[in-house]
């Protein structure tokens, strides 16, 4: 087998492993958790849609690439639950993800653009990375809402917790912040149907 084909197969294997990383969000109408590939694809499509329909004027090439790589380190680091209360787990997250980024670089040195995009996303210095970071906090709200709040109820997440954890993060992008505020208002209007009040 030639070396180029070996590298393609190795990269495909990494994508398959990424698909095996489960998140703590139920798939709409199914009894299984969403995986990282499903989440990243949804984020990429939403970024394209919102950038276009809201006339945000951002670089769509960058948006889609950031969306596709934003969680890629989780192929080695695993997913960290967003509402994690253990300070040690949260403290270790950055270290685990840095180590995972180095491992990805060692495994796929032939693809420098991938590693540049991962690093640029983590720095959040351009508006495209800030947009994806903010949208990453809102996208699960759409998915859970469309699933009638099952994940929120299963994990005992309240609307107050959701707002408290996300409002500062979504403020990085004005378009996403507006969408977040609209969504919070809608969730508030339908609170008792979506959040377990017992």
N, C-alpha and C. Protein backbone atom coordinates (compact mmCIF):
# COMPACT_ATOMS: atom_id res chain seq x y z
N UNK A 1 0.85 -1.19 0.00
CA UNK A 1 0.00 0.00 0.00
C UNK A 1 0.89 1.25 0.00
N UNK A 2 0.56 2.24 -0.85
CA UNK A 2 1.41 3.43 -0.89
C UNK A 2 1.15 4.32 0.33
N UNK A 3 2.12 5.19 0.62
CA UNK A 3 2.08 5.97 1.86
C UNK A 3 0.92 6.96 1.88
N UNK A 4 0.53 7.51 0.71
CA UNK A 4 -0.59 8.45 0.67
C UNK A 4 -1.89 7.77 1.06
N UNK A 5 -2.10 6.57 0.56
CA UNK A 5 -3.31 5.82 0.90
C UNK A 5 -3.32 5.46 2.38
N UNK A 6 -2.18 5.10 2.90
CA UNK A 6 -2.06 4.79 4.33
C UNK A 6 -2.48 5.99 5.18
N UNK A 7 -2.05 7.17 4.76
CA UNK A 7 -2.40 8.39 5.50
C UNK A 7 -3.90 8.68 5.41
N UNK A 8 -4.49 8.47 4.24
CA UNK A 8 -5.93 8.69 4.08
C UNK A 8 -6.72 7.74 4.97
N UNK A 9 -6.29 6.49 5.01
CA UNK A 9 -6.97 5.50 5.84
C UNK A 9 -6.82 5.84 7.33
N UNK A 10 -5.65 6.30 7.71
CA UNK A 10 -5.40 6.70 9.10
C UNK A 10 -6.29 7.89 9.49
N UNK A 11 -6.42 8.85 8.57
CA UNK A 11 -7.25 10.02 8.85
C UNK A 11 -8.73 9.63 8.93
N UNK A 12 -9.15 8.72 8.05
CA UNK A 12 -10.54 8.22 8.08
C UNK A 12 -10.81 7.50 9.40
N UNK A 13 -9.83 6.73 9.85
CA UNK A 13 -9.98 6.03 11.13
C UNK A 13 -10.15 7.02 12.28
N UNK A 14 -9.41 8.12 12.23
CA UNK A 14 -9.55 9.15 13.27
C UNK A 14 -10.96 9.74 13.24
N UNK A 15 -11.51 9.98 12.04
CA UNK A 15 -12.87 10.52 11.92
C UNK A 15 -13.88 9.53 12.52
N UNK A 16 -13.66 8.25 12.28
CA UNK A 16 -14.56 7.23 12.85
C UNK A 16 -14.48 7.24 14.37
N UNK A 17 -13.27 7.40 14.90
CA UNK A 17 -13.13 7.46 16.36
C UNK A 17 -13.81 8.70 16.93
N UNK A 18 -13.75 9.80 16.19
CA UNK A 18 -14.44 11.03 16.60
C UNK A 18 -15.94 10.80 16.66
N UNK A 19 -16.44 10.05 15.69
CA UNK A 19 -17.87 9.74 15.65
C UNK A 19 -18.29 8.91 16.86
N UNK A 20 -17.35 8.18 17.44
CA UNK A 20 -17.66 7.32 18.60
C UNK A 20 -17.69 8.10 19.91
N UNK A 21 -17.27 9.37 19.89
CA UNK A 21 -17.29 10.18 21.12
C UNK A 21 -18.72 10.66 21.37
N UNK A 22 -19.29 10.22 22.48
CA UNK A 22 -20.67 10.57 22.79
C UNK A 22 -20.74 11.82 23.66
N UNK A 23 -21.76 12.62 23.39
CA UNK A 23 -22.05 13.81 24.18
C UNK A 23 -23.20 13.51 25.14
N UNK A 24 -23.47 14.42 26.05
CA UNK A 24 -24.53 14.18 27.03
C UNK A 24 -25.82 14.86 26.57
N UNK A 25 -26.20 14.59 25.32
CA UNK A 25 -27.43 15.16 24.76
C UNK A 25 -28.15 14.05 23.99
N UNK A 26 -29.40 13.82 24.34
CA UNK A 26 -30.17 12.79 23.65
C UNK A 26 -30.49 13.23 22.22
N UNK A 27 -30.44 12.27 21.30
CA UNK A 27 -30.82 12.53 19.91
C UNK A 27 -32.34 12.62 19.86
N UNK A 28 -32.84 13.58 19.13
CA UNK A 28 -34.28 13.81 19.03
C UNK A 28 -35.04 12.53 18.70
N UNK A 29 -35.95 12.16 19.60
CA UNK A 29 -36.82 11.01 19.38
C UNK A 29 -36.15 9.65 19.48
N UNK A 30 -34.88 9.61 19.95
CA UNK A 30 -34.17 8.34 20.06
C UNK A 30 -33.65 8.17 21.48
N UNK A 31 -33.36 6.92 21.84
CA UNK A 31 -32.82 6.63 23.17
C UNK A 31 -31.32 6.43 23.11
N UNK A 32 -30.63 7.39 22.52
CA UNK A 32 -29.18 7.35 22.48
C UNK A 32 -28.66 8.78 22.50
N UNK A 33 -27.40 8.90 22.91
CA UNK A 33 -26.79 10.22 22.96
C UNK A 33 -26.25 10.61 21.59
N UNK A 34 -26.23 11.90 21.35
CA UNK A 34 -25.63 12.46 20.15
C UNK A 34 -24.12 12.21 20.19
N UNK A 35 -23.50 12.08 19.01
CA UNK A 35 -22.04 11.95 18.98
C UNK A 35 -21.41 13.24 18.44
N UNK A 36 -20.09 13.32 18.57
CA UNK A 36 -19.38 14.54 18.18
C UNK A 36 -19.50 14.85 16.69
N UNK A 37 -19.55 13.84 15.84
CA UNK A 37 -19.70 14.09 14.40
C UNK A 37 -21.05 14.73 14.10
N UNK A 38 -22.10 14.21 14.70
CA UNK A 38 -23.44 14.78 14.48
C UNK A 38 -23.48 16.23 14.95
N UNK A 39 -22.91 16.49 16.10
CA UNK A 39 -22.89 17.85 16.65
C UNK A 39 -22.10 18.80 15.74
N UNK A 40 -20.93 18.38 15.30
CA UNK A 40 -20.07 19.24 14.48
C UNK A 40 -20.70 19.53 13.13
N UNK A 41 -21.34 18.52 12.55
CA UNK A 41 -22.03 18.73 11.27
C UNK A 41 -23.18 19.72 11.44
N UNK A 42 -23.97 19.55 12.50
CA UNK A 42 -25.08 20.46 12.76
C UNK A 42 -24.57 21.88 12.94
N UNK A 43 -23.48 22.02 13.70
CA UNK A 43 -22.89 23.34 13.94
C UNK A 43 -22.42 23.97 12.62
N UNK A 44 -21.80 23.19 11.76
CA UNK A 44 -21.31 23.69 10.48
C UNK A 44 -22.48 24.18 9.61
N UNK A 45 -23.52 23.38 9.52
CA UNK A 45 -24.68 23.76 8.71
C UNK A 45 -25.38 24.99 9.28
N UNK A 46 -25.53 25.04 10.58
CA UNK A 46 -26.18 26.20 11.22
C UNK A 46 -25.35 27.47 11.01
N UNK A 47 -24.03 27.34 11.09
CA UNK A 47 -23.18 28.53 10.92
C UNK A 47 -23.35 29.09 9.51
N UNK A 48 -23.42 28.21 8.54
CA UNK A 48 -23.62 28.63 7.14
C UNK A 48 -24.98 29.31 7.01
N UNK A 49 -26.02 28.65 7.56
CA UNK A 49 -27.38 29.16 7.47
C UNK A 49 -27.52 30.53 8.15
N UNK A 50 -27.03 30.64 9.37
CA UNK A 50 -27.18 31.90 10.12
C UNK A 50 -26.34 33.01 9.49
N UNK A 51 -25.12 32.70 9.09
CA UNK A 51 -24.28 33.71 8.44
C UNK A 51 -24.96 34.27 7.19
N UNK A 52 -25.61 33.37 6.44
CA UNK A 52 -26.28 33.77 5.20
C UNK A 52 -27.58 34.53 5.48
N UNK A 53 -28.45 33.96 6.31
CA UNK A 53 -29.78 34.55 6.50
C UNK A 53 -29.76 35.81 7.37
N UNK A 54 -28.80 35.90 8.27
CA UNK A 54 -28.69 37.10 9.12
C UNK A 54 -27.73 38.13 8.51
N UNK A 55 -27.19 37.79 7.33
CA UNK A 55 -26.25 38.68 6.64
C UNK A 55 -25.12 39.14 7.58
N UNK A 56 -24.52 38.14 8.27
CA UNK A 56 -23.47 38.44 9.25
C UNK A 56 -22.16 38.86 8.59
N UNK A 57 -21.96 38.47 7.33
CA UNK A 57 -20.79 38.92 6.59
C UNK A 57 -19.48 38.27 6.98
N UNK A 58 -19.55 37.09 7.59
CA UNK A 58 -18.33 36.41 8.01
C UNK A 58 -17.83 35.47 6.91
N UNK A 59 -16.59 35.05 7.04
CA UNK A 59 -15.94 34.17 6.07
C UNK A 59 -16.49 32.75 6.24
N UNK A 60 -17.31 32.30 5.29
CA UNK A 60 -17.99 31.00 5.43
C UNK A 60 -17.01 29.84 5.43
N UNK A 61 -15.93 29.96 4.69
CA UNK A 61 -14.91 28.92 4.66
C UNK A 61 -14.34 28.70 6.07
N UNK A 62 -14.02 29.80 6.73
CA UNK A 62 -13.50 29.71 8.10
C UNK A 62 -14.55 29.16 9.06
N UNK A 63 -15.79 29.65 8.93
CA UNK A 63 -16.85 29.19 9.82
C UNK A 63 -17.01 27.68 9.76
N UNK A 64 -17.10 27.15 8.55
CA UNK A 64 -17.32 25.71 8.41
C UNK A 64 -16.12 24.92 8.93
N UNK A 65 -14.93 25.40 8.63
CA UNK A 65 -13.73 24.70 9.13
C UNK A 65 -13.65 24.75 10.65
N UNK A 66 -13.92 25.92 11.24
CA UNK A 66 -13.92 26.00 12.70
C UNK A 66 -14.97 25.07 13.30
N UNK A 67 -16.16 25.03 12.70
CA UNK A 67 -17.22 24.16 13.21
C UNK A 67 -16.80 22.70 13.16
N UNK A 68 -16.13 22.32 12.08
CA UNK A 68 -15.72 20.92 11.93
C UNK A 68 -14.60 20.52 12.89
N UNK A 69 -13.73 21.49 13.24
CA UNK A 69 -12.59 21.14 14.11
C UNK A 69 -12.78 21.53 15.57
N UNK A 70 -13.84 22.27 15.90
CA UNK A 70 -13.91 22.88 17.23
C UNK A 70 -13.84 21.87 18.37
N UNK A 71 -14.30 20.65 18.15
CA UNK A 71 -14.26 19.61 19.18
C UNK A 71 -13.34 18.45 18.81
N UNK A 72 -12.57 18.60 17.75
CA UNK A 72 -11.81 17.45 17.24
C UNK A 72 -10.83 16.88 18.27
N UNK A 73 -10.32 17.72 19.15
CA UNK A 73 -9.40 17.21 20.19
C UNK A 73 -10.08 16.16 21.07
N UNK A 74 -11.41 16.16 21.09
CA UNK A 74 -12.12 15.19 21.93
C UNK A 74 -11.94 13.75 21.45
N UNK A 75 -11.41 13.59 20.24
CA UNK A 75 -11.12 12.23 19.76
C UNK A 75 -10.13 11.55 20.71
N UNK A 76 -9.27 12.35 21.35
CA UNK A 76 -8.31 11.82 22.33
C UNK A 76 -8.62 12.27 23.75
N UNK A 77 -9.25 13.45 23.90
CA UNK A 77 -9.49 14.00 25.24
C UNK A 77 -10.85 13.62 25.82
N UNK A 78 -11.78 13.20 24.96
CA UNK A 78 -13.15 12.91 25.41
C UNK A 78 -13.94 14.19 25.60
N UNK A 79 -15.25 14.04 25.72
CA UNK A 79 -16.14 15.20 25.90
C UNK A 79 -16.21 15.53 27.39
N UNK A 80 -16.25 16.80 27.71
CA UNK A 80 -16.42 17.25 29.10
C UNK A 80 -17.82 17.84 29.23
N UNK A 81 -18.58 17.29 30.15
CA UNK A 81 -19.96 17.73 30.39
C UNK A 81 -19.99 19.22 30.68
N UNK A 82 -20.83 19.95 29.96
CA UNK A 82 -20.89 21.42 30.04
C UNK A 82 -21.24 21.91 31.45
N UNK A 83 -22.12 21.19 32.14
CA UNK A 83 -22.55 21.61 33.48
C UNK A 83 -21.75 20.90 34.57
N UNK A 84 -20.56 20.47 34.23
CA UNK A 84 -19.66 19.78 35.16
C UNK A 84 -19.42 20.62 36.40
N UNK A 85 -19.57 20.00 37.57
CA UNK A 85 -19.38 20.75 38.83
C UNK A 85 -18.05 20.42 39.50
N UNK A 86 -17.40 19.36 39.06
CA UNK A 86 -16.13 18.97 39.66
C UNK A 86 -15.03 19.91 39.16
N UNK A 87 -14.47 20.75 40.04
CA UNK A 87 -13.46 21.72 39.59
C UNK A 87 -12.21 21.07 39.01
N UNK A 88 -11.87 19.88 39.50
CA UNK A 88 -10.68 19.19 39.00
C UNK A 88 -10.87 18.78 37.53
N UNK A 89 -12.07 18.30 37.20
CA UNK A 89 -12.36 17.90 35.81
C UNK A 89 -12.27 19.12 34.89
N UNK A 90 -12.83 20.23 35.35
CA UNK A 90 -12.80 21.46 34.56
C UNK A 90 -11.37 21.99 34.40
N UNK A 91 -10.59 21.88 35.47
CA UNK A 91 -9.20 22.33 35.45
C UNK A 91 -8.37 21.46 34.50
N UNK A 92 -8.66 20.16 34.50
CA UNK A 92 -7.92 19.22 33.65
C UNK A 92 -8.29 19.33 32.18
N UNK A 93 -9.47 19.88 31.89
CA UNK A 93 -9.98 19.92 30.51
C UNK A 93 -8.99 20.59 29.56
N UNK A 94 -8.50 21.76 29.93
CA UNK A 94 -7.57 22.49 29.06
C UNK A 94 -6.30 21.68 28.83
N UNK A 95 -5.78 21.09 29.89
CA UNK A 95 -4.55 20.30 29.79
C UNK A 95 -4.76 19.06 28.90
N UNK A 96 -5.90 18.38 29.10
CA UNK A 96 -6.21 17.19 28.29
C UNK A 96 -6.36 17.56 26.82
N UNK A 97 -6.99 18.70 26.55
CA UNK A 97 -7.23 19.10 25.17
C UNK A 97 -5.95 19.59 24.49
N UNK A 98 -5.08 20.23 25.24
CA UNK A 98 -3.77 20.63 24.68
C UNK A 98 -2.95 19.41 24.29
N UNK A 99 -2.96 18.43 25.18
CA UNK A 99 -2.24 17.18 24.93
C UNK A 99 -2.83 16.46 23.71
N UNK A 100 -4.15 16.47 23.60
CA UNK A 100 -4.83 15.82 22.48
C UNK A 100 -4.50 16.53 21.16
N UNK A 101 -4.40 17.86 21.19
CA UNK A 101 -4.05 18.61 19.98
C UNK A 101 -2.64 18.25 19.51
N UNK A 102 -1.73 18.10 20.46
CA UNK A 102 -0.35 17.69 20.11
C UNK A 102 -0.34 16.28 19.52
N UNK A 103 -1.15 15.40 20.10
CA UNK A 103 -1.23 14.03 19.60
C UNK A 103 -1.78 14.00 18.17
N UNK A 104 -2.81 14.80 17.90
CA UNK A 104 -3.35 14.88 16.55
C UNK A 104 -2.30 15.38 15.57
N UNK A 105 -1.51 16.34 15.99
CA UNK A 105 -0.44 16.89 15.16
C UNK A 105 0.61 15.84 14.85
N UNK A 106 0.94 15.04 15.84
CA UNK A 106 1.93 13.97 15.65
C UNK A 106 1.38 12.88 14.73
N UNK A 107 0.09 12.61 14.83
CA UNK A 107 -0.51 11.55 14.02
C UNK A 107 -0.76 11.99 12.58
N UNK A 108 -0.98 13.28 12.37
CA UNK A 108 -1.31 13.78 11.03
C UNK A 108 -0.50 15.03 10.69
N UNK A 109 0.82 14.92 10.66
CA UNK A 109 1.67 16.09 10.36
C UNK A 109 1.51 16.57 8.92
N UNK A 110 0.98 15.71 8.06
CA UNK A 110 0.80 16.05 6.64
C UNK A 110 -0.35 17.04 6.41
N UNK A 111 -1.08 17.38 7.47
CA UNK A 111 -2.26 18.23 7.34
C UNK A 111 -2.13 19.46 8.25
N UNK A 112 -1.14 20.35 7.97
CA UNK A 112 -0.89 21.49 8.86
C UNK A 112 -2.09 22.44 8.99
N UNK A 113 -2.89 22.57 7.93
CA UNK A 113 -4.03 23.49 8.01
C UNK A 113 -5.00 23.07 9.11
N UNK A 114 -5.19 21.78 9.29
CA UNK A 114 -6.07 21.28 10.34
C UNK A 114 -5.61 21.78 11.70
N UNK A 115 -4.31 21.64 11.96
CA UNK A 115 -3.76 22.02 13.27
C UNK A 115 -3.78 23.54 13.46
N UNK A 116 -3.58 24.26 12.36
CA UNK A 116 -3.66 25.73 12.42
C UNK A 116 -5.08 26.17 12.78
N UNK A 117 -6.08 25.50 12.20
CA UNK A 117 -7.48 25.85 12.48
C UNK A 117 -7.85 25.53 13.93
N UNK A 118 -7.38 24.40 14.43
CA UNK A 118 -7.65 24.04 15.83
C UNK A 118 -7.05 25.09 16.76
N UNK A 119 -5.79 25.45 16.50
CA UNK A 119 -5.10 26.45 17.34
C UNK A 119 -5.78 27.81 17.26
N UNK A 120 -6.17 28.22 16.05
CA UNK A 120 -6.83 29.52 15.87
C UNK A 120 -8.19 29.55 16.56
N UNK A 121 -8.92 28.43 16.51
CA UNK A 121 -10.21 28.37 17.20
C UNK A 121 -10.01 28.56 18.70
N UNK A 122 -9.02 27.89 19.26
CA UNK A 122 -8.77 27.99 20.70
C UNK A 122 -8.38 29.40 21.11
N UNK A 123 -7.69 30.12 20.24
CA UNK A 123 -7.27 31.50 20.57
C UNK A 123 -8.43 32.48 20.53
N UNK A 124 -9.40 32.20 19.66
CA UNK A 124 -10.58 33.06 19.50
C UNK A 124 -10.21 34.53 19.28
N UNK A 125 -9.36 34.76 18.30
CA UNK A 125 -8.93 36.13 18.00
C UNK A 125 -9.70 36.74 16.82
N UNK A 126 -10.29 35.91 15.97
CA UNK A 126 -11.08 36.45 14.85
C UNK A 126 -12.57 36.26 15.13
N UNK A 127 -13.39 37.01 14.40
CA UNK A 127 -14.82 36.98 14.67
C UNK A 127 -15.44 35.63 14.31
N UNK A 128 -14.87 34.95 13.33
CA UNK A 128 -15.40 33.64 12.93
C UNK A 128 -15.27 32.62 14.06
N UNK A 129 -14.14 32.61 14.75
CA UNK A 129 -13.96 31.66 15.86
C UNK A 129 -14.88 32.02 17.03
N UNK A 130 -15.07 33.32 17.26
CA UNK A 130 -15.97 33.76 18.32
C UNK A 130 -17.42 33.38 18.00
N UNK A 131 -17.79 33.50 16.72
CA UNK A 131 -19.13 33.13 16.27
C UNK A 131 -19.39 31.65 16.52
N UNK A 132 -18.43 30.81 16.13
CA UNK A 132 -18.60 29.36 16.32
C UNK A 132 -18.61 29.00 17.80
N UNK A 133 -17.75 29.63 18.59
CA UNK A 133 -17.72 29.38 20.03
C UNK A 133 -19.09 29.71 20.64
N UNK A 134 -19.64 30.86 20.26
CA UNK A 134 -20.94 31.27 20.79
C UNK A 134 -22.06 30.36 20.29
N UNK A 135 -22.05 30.04 19.01
CA UNK A 135 -23.09 29.17 18.44
C UNK A 135 -23.03 27.77 19.05
N UNK A 136 -21.84 27.32 19.40
CA UNK A 136 -21.67 26.02 20.05
C UNK A 136 -22.43 25.94 21.37
N UNK A 137 -22.65 27.09 21.99
CA UNK A 137 -23.39 27.11 23.26
C UNK A 137 -24.90 27.15 23.02
N UNK A 138 -25.31 27.61 21.85
CA UNK A 138 -26.74 27.76 21.55
C UNK A 138 -27.30 26.54 20.82
N UNK A 139 -26.49 25.93 19.96
CA UNK A 139 -26.97 24.79 19.16
C UNK A 139 -27.61 23.70 20.00
N UNK A 140 -27.02 23.30 21.15
CA UNK A 140 -27.69 22.26 21.95
C UNK A 140 -29.08 22.68 22.43
N UNK A 141 -29.27 23.98 22.64
CA UNK A 141 -30.59 24.46 23.06
C UNK A 141 -31.63 24.16 21.99
N UNK A 142 -31.28 24.33 20.72
CA UNK A 142 -32.20 24.03 19.62
C UNK A 142 -32.54 22.54 19.61
N UNK A 143 -31.48 21.72 19.72
CA UNK A 143 -31.67 20.26 19.63
C UNK A 143 -32.51 19.74 20.79
N UNK A 144 -32.22 20.24 21.99
CA UNK A 144 -32.97 19.76 23.17
C UNK A 144 -34.41 20.27 23.14
N UNK A 145 -34.59 21.51 22.71
CA UNK A 145 -35.95 22.05 22.57
C UNK A 145 -36.77 21.20 21.60
N UNK A 146 -36.19 20.86 20.45
CA UNK A 146 -36.90 20.06 19.45
C UNK A 146 -37.20 18.64 19.94
N UNK A 147 -36.51 18.23 21.01
CA UNK A 147 -36.74 16.92 21.63
C UNK A 147 -37.58 17.08 22.90
N UNK A 148 -38.31 18.20 22.99
CA UNK A 148 -39.22 18.45 24.11
C UNK A 148 -38.54 18.51 25.48
N UNK A 149 -37.27 18.91 25.49
CA UNK A 149 -36.58 19.12 26.76
C UNK A 149 -36.14 17.87 27.49
N UNK A 150 -36.14 16.72 26.81
CA UNK A 150 -35.80 15.46 27.50
C UNK A 150 -34.45 15.52 28.21
N UNK A 151 -33.43 16.05 27.53
CA UNK A 151 -32.09 16.09 28.14
C UNK A 151 -32.08 17.00 29.36
N UNK A 152 -32.73 18.16 29.27
CA UNK A 152 -32.79 19.06 30.43
C UNK A 152 -33.44 18.37 31.62
N UNK A 153 -34.52 17.64 31.36
CA UNK A 153 -35.22 16.97 32.46
C UNK A 153 -34.43 15.79 33.01
N UNK A 154 -33.80 15.06 32.13
CA UNK A 154 -33.00 13.91 32.57
C UNK A 154 -31.85 14.35 33.47
N UNK A 155 -31.23 15.48 33.13
CA UNK A 155 -30.05 15.96 33.85
C UNK A 155 -30.38 17.04 34.89
N UNK A 156 -31.69 17.31 35.05
CA UNK A 156 -32.14 18.31 36.04
C UNK A 156 -31.55 19.69 35.77
N UNK A 157 -31.53 20.07 34.50
CA UNK A 157 -31.05 21.40 34.11
C UNK A 157 -32.24 22.37 34.14
N UNK A 158 -32.07 23.49 34.81
CA UNK A 158 -33.13 24.51 34.85
C UNK A 158 -32.80 25.61 33.84
N UNK A 159 -33.80 26.41 33.52
CA UNK A 159 -33.59 27.53 32.61
C UNK A 159 -32.60 28.52 33.22
N UNK A 160 -32.66 28.68 34.53
CA UNK A 160 -31.74 29.60 35.21
C UNK A 160 -30.29 29.12 35.08
N UNK A 161 -30.08 27.81 35.23
CA UNK A 161 -28.73 27.24 35.07
C UNK A 161 -28.23 27.47 33.64
N UNK A 162 -29.11 27.23 32.70
CA UNK A 162 -28.77 27.38 31.28
C UNK A 162 -28.33 28.83 30.98
N UNK A 163 -29.11 29.77 31.44
CA UNK A 163 -28.79 31.19 31.22
C UNK A 163 -27.48 31.54 31.90
N UNK A 164 -27.34 31.13 33.15
CA UNK A 164 -26.14 31.45 33.92
C UNK A 164 -24.86 30.92 33.30
N UNK A 165 -24.92 29.73 32.72
CA UNK A 165 -23.72 29.10 32.13
C UNK A 165 -23.39 29.65 30.74
N UNK A 166 -24.41 30.15 30.03
CA UNK A 166 -24.20 30.48 28.62
C UNK A 166 -24.16 31.97 28.28
N UNK A 167 -24.79 32.82 29.07
CA UNK A 167 -24.99 34.21 28.64
C UNK A 167 -23.69 34.95 28.36
N UNK A 168 -22.66 34.77 29.18
CA UNK A 168 -21.38 35.46 28.94
C UNK A 168 -20.66 34.90 27.72
N UNK A 169 -20.82 33.61 27.49
CA UNK A 169 -20.13 32.96 26.37
C UNK A 169 -20.73 33.37 25.03
N UNK A 170 -22.06 33.47 24.98
CA UNK A 170 -22.69 33.84 23.70
C UNK A 170 -22.48 35.32 23.38
N UNK A 171 -22.10 36.10 24.39
CA UNK A 171 -21.89 37.54 24.18
C UNK A 171 -20.69 37.85 23.28
N UNK A 172 -19.90 36.82 22.95
CA UNK A 172 -18.76 37.02 22.06
C UNK A 172 -19.18 37.40 20.64
N UNK A 173 -20.42 37.08 20.28
CA UNK A 173 -20.88 37.42 18.93
C UNK A 173 -22.28 38.05 19.01
N UNK A 174 -22.46 39.24 18.45
CA UNK A 174 -23.76 39.92 18.58
C UNK A 174 -24.92 39.20 17.90
N UNK A 175 -24.66 38.54 16.78
CA UNK A 175 -25.73 37.82 16.09
C UNK A 175 -26.19 36.64 16.93
N UNK A 176 -25.23 35.88 17.45
CA UNK A 176 -25.57 34.70 18.26
C UNK A 176 -26.19 35.13 19.58
N UNK A 177 -25.72 36.22 20.14
CA UNK A 177 -26.31 36.71 21.40
C UNK A 177 -27.79 37.04 21.20
N UNK A 178 -28.12 37.67 20.08
CA UNK A 178 -29.53 37.99 19.80
C UNK A 178 -30.36 36.71 19.67
N UNK A 179 -29.83 35.73 18.95
CA UNK A 179 -30.54 34.45 18.78
C UNK A 179 -30.71 33.77 20.14
N UNK A 180 -29.68 33.81 20.96
CA UNK A 180 -29.75 33.23 22.31
C UNK A 180 -30.86 33.90 23.12
N UNK A 181 -30.88 35.22 23.11
CA UNK A 181 -31.90 35.95 23.87
C UNK A 181 -33.31 35.65 23.37
N UNK A 182 -33.46 35.53 22.05
CA UNK A 182 -34.77 35.16 21.48
C UNK A 182 -35.16 33.75 21.93
N UNK A 183 -34.18 32.84 21.95
CA UNK A 183 -34.45 31.45 22.35
C UNK A 183 -34.81 31.38 23.83
N UNK A 184 -34.09 32.12 24.66
CA UNK A 184 -34.40 32.14 26.10
C UNK A 184 -35.81 32.65 26.33
N UNK A 185 -36.19 33.68 25.61
CA UNK A 185 -37.55 34.22 25.73
C UNK A 185 -38.59 33.16 25.34
N UNK A 186 -38.30 32.43 24.28
CA UNK A 186 -39.21 31.37 23.83
C UNK A 186 -39.27 30.23 24.85
N UNK A 187 -38.13 29.87 25.42
CA UNK A 187 -38.11 28.82 26.44
C UNK A 187 -38.89 29.26 27.67
N UNK A 188 -38.75 30.51 28.02
CA UNK A 188 -39.47 31.04 29.18
C UNK A 188 -40.98 30.99 28.95
N UNK A 189 -41.40 31.30 27.72
CA UNK A 189 -42.84 31.26 27.39
C UNK A 189 -43.39 29.84 27.45
N UNK A 190 -42.52 28.85 27.24
CA UNK A 190 -42.96 27.44 27.23
C UNK A 190 -42.32 26.65 28.37
N UNK A 191 -41.98 27.35 29.44
CA UNK A 191 -41.19 26.79 30.53
C UNK A 191 -41.73 25.47 31.08
N UNK A 192 -43.00 25.47 31.45
CA UNK A 192 -43.56 24.29 32.13
C UNK A 192 -43.63 23.06 31.25
N UNK A 193 -43.65 23.25 29.94
CA UNK A 193 -43.70 22.11 29.02
C UNK A 193 -42.30 21.52 28.78
N UNK A 194 -41.26 22.32 29.06
CA UNK A 194 -39.89 21.91 28.71
C UNK A 194 -39.01 21.56 29.91
N UNK A 195 -39.31 22.15 31.06
CA UNK A 195 -38.47 21.95 32.24
C UNK A 195 -39.28 21.31 33.34
N UNK A 196 -38.68 20.29 33.97
CA UNK A 196 -39.34 19.58 35.05
C UNK A 196 -39.39 20.51 36.26
N UNK A 197 -40.59 20.92 36.65
CA UNK A 197 -40.73 21.86 37.76
C UNK A 197 -41.03 21.16 39.09
N UNK A 198 -40.98 19.83 39.09
CA UNK A 198 -41.27 19.09 40.35
C UNK A 198 -40.07 19.12 41.25
